[in-house]
Amino acid sequence: EELGSDAYLYGNLVGRAAEAEGVPNVIIARADP
């Protein structure tokens, strides 16, 4: 998500068992815009 002054990445955590419904955790992190 590029917002000009900021950029946020949305991604899935690797190496962790998926939740019961099969949906992995979504991680949000601020990146270099």
Full PDB file with SEQRES, HELIX, SHEET, SSBOND, CRYST1, ORIGX, SCALE, CONECT and MASTER records, all heavy atoms in Angstrom:
SEQRES   1 A   33  GLU GLU LEU GLY SER ASP ALA TYR LEU TYR GLY ASN LEU          
SEQRES   2 A   33  VAL GLY ARG ALA ALA GLU ALA GLU GLY VAL PRO ASN VAL          
SEQRES   3 A   33  ILE ILE ALA ARG ALA ASP PRO                                  
SHEET    1 AA1 2 ALA A   7  ASN A  12  0                                        
SHEET    2 AA1 2 VAL A  26  ALA A  31 -1                                        
CRYST1    1.000    1.000    1.000  90.00  90.00  90.00 P 1           1          
ORIGX1      1.000000  0.000000  0.000000        0.00000                         
ORIGX2      0.000000  1.000000  0.000000        0.00000                         
ORIGX3      0.000000  0.000000  1.000000        0.00000                         
SCALE1      1.000000  0.000000  0.000000        0.00000                         
SCALE2      0.000000  1.000000  0.000000        0.00000                         
SCALE3      0.000000  0.000000  1.000000        0.00000                         
ATOM      1  N   GLU A   1       0.869  -1.183   0.000  1.00  0.00           N  
ATOM      2  CA  GLU A   1       0.000   0.000   0.000  1.00  0.00           C  
ATOM      3  C   GLU A   1       0.904   1.231   0.000  1.00  0.00           C  
ATOM      4  O   GLU A   1       1.533   1.545   1.017  1.00  0.00           O  
ATOM      5  CB  GLU A   1      -0.885  -0.026   1.249  1.00  0.00           C  
ATOM      6  CG  GLU A   1      -1.994   0.986   1.279  1.00  0.00           C  
ATOM      7  CD  GLU A   1      -2.843   0.826   2.537  1.00  0.00           C  
ATOM      8  OE1 GLU A   1      -2.304   1.048   3.638  1.00  0.00           O  
ATOM      9  OE2 GLU A   1      -4.023   0.459   2.421  1.00  0.00           O  
ATOM     10  N   GLU A   2       0.998   1.919  -1.134  1.00  0.00           N  
ATOM     11  CA  GLU A   2       1.877   3.085  -1.245  1.00  0.00           C  
ATOM     12  C   GLU A   2       1.061   4.357  -1.033  1.00  0.00           C  
ATOM     13  O   GLU A   2       0.122   4.643  -1.779  1.00  0.00           O  
ATOM     14  CB  GLU A   2       2.556   3.084  -2.610  1.00  0.00           C  
ATOM     15  CG  GLU A   2       3.479   1.880  -2.822  1.00  0.00           C  
ATOM     16  CD  GLU A   2       4.360   2.018  -4.052  1.00  0.00           C  
ATOM     17  OE1 GLU A   2       5.039   3.054  -4.157  1.00  0.00           O  
ATOM     18  OE2 GLU A   2       4.351   1.093  -4.884  1.00  0.00           O  
ATOM     19  N   LEU A   3       1.456   5.126  -0.011  1.00  0.00           N  
ATOM     20  CA  LEU A   3       0.707   6.316   0.377  1.00  0.00           C  
ATOM     21  C   LEU A   3       1.499   7.594   0.173  1.00  0.00           C  
ATOM     22  O   LEU A   3       1.114   8.651   0.655  1.00  0.00           O  
ATOM     23  CB  LEU A   3       0.292   6.213   1.856  1.00  0.00           C  
ATOM     24  CG  LEU A   3      -0.499   4.962   2.238  1.00  0.00           C  
ATOM     25  CD1 LEU A   3      -0.710   4.907   3.741  1.00  0.00           C  
ATOM     26  CD2 LEU A   3      -1.840   4.935   1.512  1.00  0.00           C  
ATOM     27  N   GLY A   4       2.609   7.513  -0.543  1.00  0.00           N  
ATOM     28  CA  GLY A   4       3.439   8.688  -0.753  1.00  0.00           C  
ATOM     29  C   GLY A   4       4.505   8.812   0.321  1.00  0.00           C  
ATOM     30  O   GLY A   4       5.657   8.434   0.127  1.00  0.00           O  
ATOM     31  N   SER A   5       4.115   9.346   1.491  1.00  0.00           N  
ATOM     32  CA  SER A   5       5.078   9.508   2.583  1.00  0.00           C  
ATOM     33  C   SER A   5       5.338   8.195   3.305  1.00  0.00           C  
ATOM     34  O   SER A   5       6.325   8.060   4.034  1.00  0.00           O  
ATOM     35  CB  SER A   5       4.565  10.542   3.595  1.00  0.00           C  
ATOM     36  OG  SER A   5       3.324  10.128   4.148  1.00  0.00           O  
ATOM     37  N   ASP A   6       4.454   7.225   3.130  1.00  0.00           N  
ATOM     38  CA  ASP A   6       4.581   5.921   3.783  1.00  0.00           C  
ATOM     39  C   ASP A   6       4.271   4.812   2.793  1.00  0.00           C  
ATOM     40  O   ASP A   6       3.597   5.032   1.774  1.00  0.00           O  
ATOM     41  CB  ASP A   6       3.613   5.801   4.966  1.00  0.00           C  
ATOM     42  CG  ASP A   6       4.186   6.396   6.243  1.00  0.00           C  
ATOM     43  OD1 ASP A   6       5.370   6.149   6.538  1.00  0.00           O  
ATOM     44  OD2 ASP A   6       3.443   7.103   6.946  1.00  0.00           O  
ATOM     45  N   ALA A   7       4.752   3.621   3.117  1.00  0.00           N  
ATOM     46  CA  ALA A   7       4.373   2.419   2.369  1.00  0.00           C  
ATOM     47  C   ALA A   7       4.196   1.295   3.367  1.00  0.00           C  
ATOM     48  O   ALA A   7       5.003   1.140   4.292  1.00  0.00           O  
ATOM     49  CB  ALA A   7       5.438   2.061   1.341  1.00  0.00           C  
ATOM     50  N   TYR A   8       3.114   0.526   3.226  1.00  0.00           N  
ATOM     51  CA  TYR A   8       2.840  -0.590   4.129  1.00  0.00           C  
ATOM     52  C   TYR A   8       2.743  -1.870   3.313  1.00  0.00           C  
ATOM     53  O   TYR A   8       2.060  -1.914   2.283  1.00  0.00           O  
ATOM     54  CB  TYR A   8       1.533  -0.365   4.895  1.00  0.00           C  
ATOM     55  CG  TYR A   8       1.624   0.752   5.911  1.00  0.00           C  
ATOM     56  CD1 TYR A   8       1.214   2.040   5.594  1.00  0.00           C  
ATOM     57  CD2 TYR A   8       2.142   0.515   7.188  1.00  0.00           C  
ATOM     58  CE1 TYR A   8       1.302   3.070   6.510  1.00  0.00           C  
ATOM     59  CE2 TYR A   8       2.231   1.535   8.111  1.00  0.00           C  
ATOM     60  CZ  TYR A   8       1.812   2.808   7.772  1.00  0.00           C  
ATOM     61  OH  TYR A   8       1.917   3.821   8.695  1.00  0.00           O  
ATOM     62  N   LEU A   9       3.440  -2.900   3.784  1.00  0.00           N  
ATOM     63  CA  LEU A   9       3.323  -4.202   3.140  1.00  0.00           C  
ATOM     64  C   LEU A   9       2.379  -5.074   3.963  1.00  0.00           C  
ATOM     65  O   LEU A   9       2.354  -5.011   5.192  1.00  0.00           O  
ATOM     66  CB  LEU A   9       4.692  -4.861   2.990  1.00  0.00           C  
ATOM     67  CG  LEU A   9       5.464  -5.305   4.244  1.00  0.00           C  
ATOM     68  CD1 LEU A   9       5.055  -6.707   4.699  1.00  0.00           C  
ATOM     69  CD2 LEU A   9       6.961  -5.281   3.979  1.00  0.00           C  
ATOM     70  N   TYR A  10       1.577  -5.842   3.257  1.00  0.00           N  
ATOM     71  CA  TYR A  10       0.673  -6.821   3.863  1.00  0.00           C  
ATOM     72  C   TYR A  10       1.107  -8.181   3.349  1.00  0.00           C  
ATOM     73  O   TYR A  10       1.138  -8.409   2.138  1.00  0.00           O  
ATOM     74  CB  TYR A  10      -0.778  -6.540   3.451  1.00  0.00           C  
ATOM     75  CG  TYR A  10      -1.350  -5.252   3.993  1.00  0.00           C  
ATOM     76  CD1 TYR A  10      -0.946  -4.017   3.480  1.00  0.00           C  
ATOM     77  CD2 TYR A  10      -2.304  -5.251   5.009  1.00  0.00           C  
ATOM     78  CE1 TYR A  10      -1.473  -2.822   3.965  1.00  0.00           C  
ATOM     79  CE2 TYR A  10      -2.839  -4.067   5.500  1.00  0.00           C  
ATOM     80  CZ  TYR A  10      -2.411  -2.864   4.974  1.00  0.00           C  
ATOM     81  OH  TYR A  10      -2.934  -1.691   5.459  1.00  0.00           O  
ATOM     82  N   GLY A  11       1.443  -9.072   4.269  1.00  0.00           N  
ATOM     83  CA  GLY A  11       1.943 -10.364   3.831  1.00  0.00           C  
ATOM     84  C   GLY A  11       1.583 -11.484   4.786  1.00  0.00           C  
ATOM     85  O   GLY A  11       1.057 -11.247   5.874  1.00  0.00           O  
ATOM     86  N   ASN A  12       1.879 -12.694   4.375  1.00  0.00           N  
ATOM     87  CA  ASN A  12       1.603 -13.877   5.196  1.00  0.00           C  
ATOM     88  C   ASN A  12       2.877 -14.361   5.870  1.00  0.00           C  
ATOM     89  O   ASN A  12       3.945 -14.425   5.256  1.00  0.00           O  
ATOM     90  CB  ASN A  12       1.038 -15.010   4.332  1.00  0.00           C  
ATOM     91  CG  ASN A  12      -0.358 -14.692   3.833  1.00  0.00           C  
ATOM     92  OD1 ASN A  12      -1.040 -13.854   4.401  1.00  0.00           O  
ATOM     93  ND2 ASN A  12      -0.767 -15.345   2.763  1.00  0.00           N  
ATOM     94  N   LEU A  13       2.729 -14.726   7.133  1.00  0.00           N  
ATOM     95  CA  LEU A  13       3.847 -15.259   7.895  1.00  0.00           C  
ATOM     96  C   LEU A  13       4.201 -16.645   7.373  1.00  0.00           C  
ATOM     97  O   LEU A  13       3.328 -17.496   7.163  1.00  0.00           O  
ATOM     98  CB  LEU A  13       3.438 -15.325   9.372  1.00  0.00           C  
ATOM     99  CG  LEU A  13       4.519 -15.561  10.409  1.00  0.00           C  
ATOM    100  CD1 LEU A  13       5.563 -14.462  10.380  1.00  0.00           C  
ATOM    101  CD2 LEU A  13       3.871 -15.643  11.796  1.00  0.00           C  
ATOM    102  N   VAL A  14       5.450 -16.885   7.158  1.00  0.00           N  
ATOM    103  CA  VAL A  14       5.934 -18.170   6.633  1.00  0.00           C  
ATOM    104  C   VAL A  14       6.437 -19.018   7.792  1.00  0.00           C  
ATOM    105  O   VAL A  14       7.036 -18.529   8.735  1.00  0.00           O  
ATOM    106  CB  VAL A  14       7.071 -17.947   5.613  1.00  0.00           C  
ATOM    107  CG1 VAL A  14       7.643 -19.274   5.131  1.00  0.00           C  
ATOM    108  CG2 VAL A  14       6.574 -17.117   4.435  1.00  0.00           C  
ATOM    109  N   GLY A  15       6.155 -20.349   7.696  1.00  0.00           N  
ATOM    110  CA  GLY A  15       6.715 -21.269   8.672  1.00  0.00           C  
ATOM    111  C   GLY A  15       5.853 -21.489   9.884  1.00  0.00           C  
ATOM    112  O   GLY A  15       6.244 -22.186  10.811  1.00  0.00           O  
ATOM    113  N   ARG A  16       4.677 -20.923   9.893  1.00  0.00           N  
ATOM    114  CA  ARG A  16       3.766 -21.132  11.020  1.00  0.00           C  
ATOM    115  C   ARG A  16       2.539 -21.881  10.528  1.00  0.00           C  
ATOM    116  O   ARG A  16       2.027 -21.608   9.460  1.00  0.00           O  
ATOM    117  CB  ARG A  16       3.339 -19.791  11.620  1.00  0.00           C  
ATOM    118  CG  ARG A  16       2.402 -19.928  12.804  1.00  0.00           C  
ATOM    119  CD  ARG A  16       2.135 -18.540  13.410  1.00  0.00           C  
ATOM    120  NE  ARG A  16       1.303 -18.664  14.597  1.00  0.00           N  
ATOM    121  CZ  ARG A  16      -0.020 -18.600  14.595  1.00  0.00           C  
ATOM    122  NH1 ARG A  16      -0.660 -18.469  13.444  1.00  0.00           N  
ATOM    123  NH2 ARG A  16      -0.701 -18.708  15.716  1.00  0.00           N  
ATOM    124  N   ALA A  17       2.080 -22.841  11.311  1.00  0.00           N  
ATOM    125  CA  ALA A  17       0.895 -23.610  10.915  1.00  0.00           C  
ATOM    126  C   ALA A  17      -0.290 -22.679  10.723  1.00  0.00           C  
ATOM    127  O   ALA A  17      -0.482 -21.731  11.471  1.00  0.00           O  
ATOM    128  CB  ALA A  17       0.572 -24.652  11.990  1.00  0.00           C  
ATOM    129  N   ALA A  18      -1.059 -22.940   9.696  1.00  0.00           N  
ATOM    130  CA  ALA A  18      -2.235 -22.108   9.427  1.00  0.00           C  
ATOM    131  C   ALA A  18      -3.247 -22.249  10.556  1.00  0.00           C  
ATOM    132  O   ALA A  18      -3.255 -23.216  11.308  1.00  0.00           O  
ATOM    133  CB  ALA A  18      -2.867 -22.533   8.098  1.00  0.00           C  
ATOM    134  N   GLU A  19      -4.102 -21.228  10.655  1.00  0.00           N  
ATOM    135  CA  GLU A  19      -5.175 -21.285  11.649  1.00  0.00           C  
ATOM    136  C   GLU A  19      -6.153 -22.416  11.300  1.00  0.00           C  
ATOM    137  O   GLU A  19      -6.092 -22.999  10.225  1.00  0.00           O  
ATOM    138  CB  GLU A  19      -5.921 -19.940  11.662  1.00  0.00           C  
ATOM    139  CG  GLU A  19      -5.028 -18.737  11.918  1.00  0.00           C  
ATOM    140  CD  GLU A  19      -4.494 -18.706  13.344  1.00  0.00           C  
ATOM    141  OE1 GLU A  19      -5.034 -19.430  14.199  1.00  0.00           O  
ATOM    142  OE2 GLU A  19      -3.517 -17.976  13.591  1.00  0.00           O  
ATOM    143  N   ALA A  20      -7.045 -22.691  12.228  1.00  0.00           N  
ATOM    144  CA  ALA A  20      -7.969 -23.818  12.052  1.00  0.00           C  
ATOM    145  C   ALA A  20      -8.760 -23.703  10.753  1.00  0.00           C  
ATOM    146  O   ALA A  20      -9.032 -24.693  10.089  1.00  0.00           O  
ATOM    147  CB  ALA A  20      -8.912 -23.891  13.241  1.00  0.00           C  
ATOM    148  N   GLU A  21      -9.077 -22.451  10.363  1.00  0.00           N  
ATOM    149  CA  GLU A  21      -9.863 -22.290   9.146  1.00  0.00           C  
ATOM    150  C   GLU A  21      -8.984 -22.235   7.908  1.00  0.00           C  
ATOM    151  O   GLU A  21      -9.475 -22.012   6.802  1.00  0.00           O  
ATOM    152  CB  GLU A  21     -10.732 -21.026   9.230  1.00  0.00           C  
ATOM    153  CG  GLU A  21      -9.961 -19.722   9.306  1.00  0.00           C  
ATOM    154  CD  GLU A  21      -9.638 -19.322  10.731  1.00  0.00           C  
ATOM    155  OE1 GLU A  21      -9.642 -20.204  11.611  1.00  0.00           O  
ATOM    156  OE2 GLU A  21      -9.381 -18.131  10.959  1.00  0.00           O  
ATOM    157  N   GLY A  22      -7.679 -22.409   8.078  1.00  0.00           N  
ATOM    158  CA  GLY A  22      -6.782 -22.456   6.934  1.00  0.00           C  
ATOM    159  C   GLY A  22      -6.271 -21.109   6.483  1.00  0.00           C  
ATOM    160  O   GLY A  22      -5.646 -20.995   5.434  1.00  0.00           O  
ATOM    161  N   VAL A  23      -6.529 -20.050   7.272  1.00  0.00           N  
ATOM    162  CA  VAL A  23      -6.086 -18.721   6.881  1.00  0.00           C  
ATOM    163  C   VAL A  23      -4.858 -18.339   7.708  1.00  0.00           C  
ATOM    164  O   VAL A  23      -4.929 -18.294   8.925  1.00  0.00           O  
ATOM    165  CB  VAL A  23      -7.204 -17.675   7.106  1.00  0.00           C  
ATOM    166  CG1 VAL A  23      -6.724 -16.289   6.706  1.00  0.00           C  
ATOM    167  CG2 VAL A  23      -8.443 -18.070   6.321  1.00  0.00           C  
ATOM    168  N   PRO A  24      -3.707 -18.084   7.069  1.00  0.00           N  
ATOM    169  CA  PRO A  24      -2.512 -17.726   7.824  1.00  0.00           C  
ATOM    170  C   PRO A  24      -2.589 -16.300   8.353  1.00  0.00           C  
ATOM    171  O   PRO A  24      -3.410 -15.502   7.897  1.00  0.00           O  
ATOM    172  CB  PRO A  24      -1.394 -17.857   6.785  1.00  0.00           C  
ATOM    173  CG  PRO A  24      -2.069 -17.616   5.480  1.00  0.00           C  
ATOM    174  CD  PRO A  24      -3.473 -18.143   5.631  1.00  0.00           C  
ATOM    175  N   ASN A  25      -1.756 -15.984   9.344  1.00  0.00           N  
ATOM    176  CA  ASN A  25      -1.709 -14.633   9.873  1.00  0.00           C  
ATOM    177  C   ASN A  25      -1.296 -13.639   8.803  1.00  0.00           C  
ATOM    178  O   ASN A  25      -0.377 -13.888   8.032  1.00  0.00           O  
ATOM    179  CB  ASN A  25      -0.699 -14.552  11.021  1.00  0.00           C  
ATOM    180  CG  ASN A  25      -1.308 -14.976  12.339  1.00  0.00           C  
ATOM    181  OD1 ASN A  25      -2.290 -14.399  12.765  1.00  0.00           O  
ATOM    182  ND2 ASN A  25      -0.727 -15.976  12.966  1.00  0.00           N  
ATOM    183  N   VAL A  26      -1.974 -12.496   8.774  1.00  0.00           N  
ATOM    184  CA  VAL A  26      -1.577 -11.395   7.902  1.00  0.00           C  
ATOM    185  C   VAL A  26      -0.744 -10.429   8.726  1.00  0.00           C  
ATOM    186  O   VAL A  26      -1.169  -9.968   9.785  1.00  0.00           O  
ATOM    187  CB  VAL A  26      -2.807 -10.685   7.306  1.00  0.00           C  
ATOM    188  CG1 VAL A  26      -2.379  -9.448   6.517  1.00  0.00           C  
ATOM    189  CG2 VAL A  26      -3.581 -11.629   6.411  1.00  0.00           C  
ATOM    190  N   ILE A  27       0.443 -10.129   8.246  1.00  0.00           N  
ATOM    191  CA  ILE A  27       1.354  -9.223   8.921  1.00  0.00           C  
ATOM    192  C   ILE A  27       1.387  -7.905   8.164  1.00  0.00           C  
ATOM    193  O   ILE A  27       1.444  -7.881   6.931  1.00  0.00           O  
ATOM    194  CB  ILE A  27       2.785  -9.813   8.978  1.00  0.00           C  
ATOM    195  CG1 ILE A  27       2.770 -11.148   9.726  1.00  0.00           C  
ATOM    196  CG2 ILE A  27       3.755  -8.840   9.637  1.00  0.00           C  
ATOM    197  CD1 ILE A  27       2.408 -11.055  11.181  1.00  0.00           C  
ATOM    198  N   ILE A  28       1.338  -6.791   8.911  1.00  0.00           N  
ATOM    199  CA  ILE A  28       1.431  -5.455   8.317  1.00  0.00           C  
ATOM    200  C   ILE A  28       2.713  -4.817   8.827  1.00  0.00           C  
ATOM    201  O   ILE A  28       2.997  -4.841  10.026  1.00  0.00           O  
ATOM    202  CB  ILE A  28       0.224  -4.579   8.702  1.00  0.00           C  
ATOM    203  CG1 ILE A  28      -1.093  -5.304   8.426  1.00  0.00           C  
ATOM    204  CG2 ILE A  28       0.272  -3.253   7.955  1.00  0.00           C  
ATOM    205  CD1 ILE A  28      -2.306  -4.588   8.991  1.00  0.00           C  
ATOM    206  N   ALA A  29       3.493  -4.260   7.918  1.00  0.00           N  
ATOM    207  CA  ALA A  29       4.750  -3.614   8.309  1.00  0.00           C  
ATOM    208  C   ALA A  29       4.984  -2.380   7.461  1.00  0.00           C  
ATOM    209  O   ALA A  29       4.648  -2.357   6.273  1.00  0.00           O  
ATOM    210  CB  ALA A  29       5.922  -4.584   8.165  1.00  0.00           C  
ATOM    211  N   ARG A  30       5.560  -1.352   8.085  1.00  0.00           N  
ATOM    212  CA  ARG A  30       5.897  -0.149   7.339  1.00  0.00           C  
ATOM    213  C   ARG A  30       7.231  -0.358   6.644  1.00  0.00           C  
ATOM    214  O   ARG A  30       8.217  -0.754   7.272  1.00  0.00           O  
ATOM    215  CB  ARG A  30       5.966   1.072   8.261  1.00  0.00           C  
ATOM    216  CG  ARG A  30       6.134   2.380   7.486  1.00  0.00           C  
ATOM    217  CD  ARG A  30       5.803   3.586   8.322  1.00  0.00           C  
ATOM    218  NE  ARG A  30       6.785   3.805   9.375  1.00  0.00           N  
ATOM    219  CZ  ARG A  30       6.656   4.730  10.313  1.00  0.00           C  
ATOM    220  NH1 ARG A  30       5.578   5.491  10.346  1.00  0.00           N  
ATOM    221  NH2 ARG A  30       7.589   4.884  11.233  1.00  0.00           N  
ATOM    222  N   ALA A  31       7.275  -0.068   5.359  1.00  0.00           N  
ATOM    223  CA  ALA A  31       8.480  -0.253   4.549  1.00  0.00           C  
ATOM    224  C   ALA A  31       9.000   1.090   4.074  1.00  0.00           C  
ATOM    225  O   ALA A  31       8.360   2.133   4.266  1.00  0.00           O  
ATOM    226  CB  ALA A  31       8.157  -1.159   3.359  1.00  0.00           C  
ATOM    227  N   ASP A  32      10.152   1.069   3.457  1.00  0.00           N  
ATOM    228  CA  ASP A  32      10.739   2.282   2.890  1.00  0.00           C  
ATOM    229  C   ASP A  32       9.850   2.758   1.733  1.00  0.00           C  
ATOM    230  O   ASP A  32       9.718   2.058   0.723  1.00  0.00           O  
ATOM    231  CB  ASP A  32      12.153   1.967   2.385  1.00  0.00           C  
ATOM    232  CG  ASP A  32      12.840   3.181   1.785  1.00  0.00           C  
ATOM    233  OD1 ASP A  32      12.202   4.249   1.683  1.00  0.00           O  
ATOM    234  OD2 ASP A  32      14.024   3.063   1.423  1.00  0.00           O  
ATOM    235  N   PRO A  33       9.240   3.939   1.839  1.00  0.00           N  
ATOM    236  CA  PRO A  33       8.329   4.384   0.773  1.00  0.00           C  
ATOM    237  C   PRO A  33       9.034   4.636  -0.551  1.00  0.00           C  
ATOM    238  O   PRO A  33       8.394   4.610  -1.601  1.00  0.00           O  
ATOM    239  CB  PRO A  33       7.724   5.673   1.349  1.00  0.00           C  
ATOM    240  CG  PRO A  33       8.715   6.155   2.359  1.00  0.00           C  
ATOM    241  CD  PRO A  33       9.336   4.918   2.939  1.00  0.00           C  
TER     242      PRO A  33                                                      
MASTER        0    0    0    0    2    0    0    6  241    1    0    3          
END                                                                             
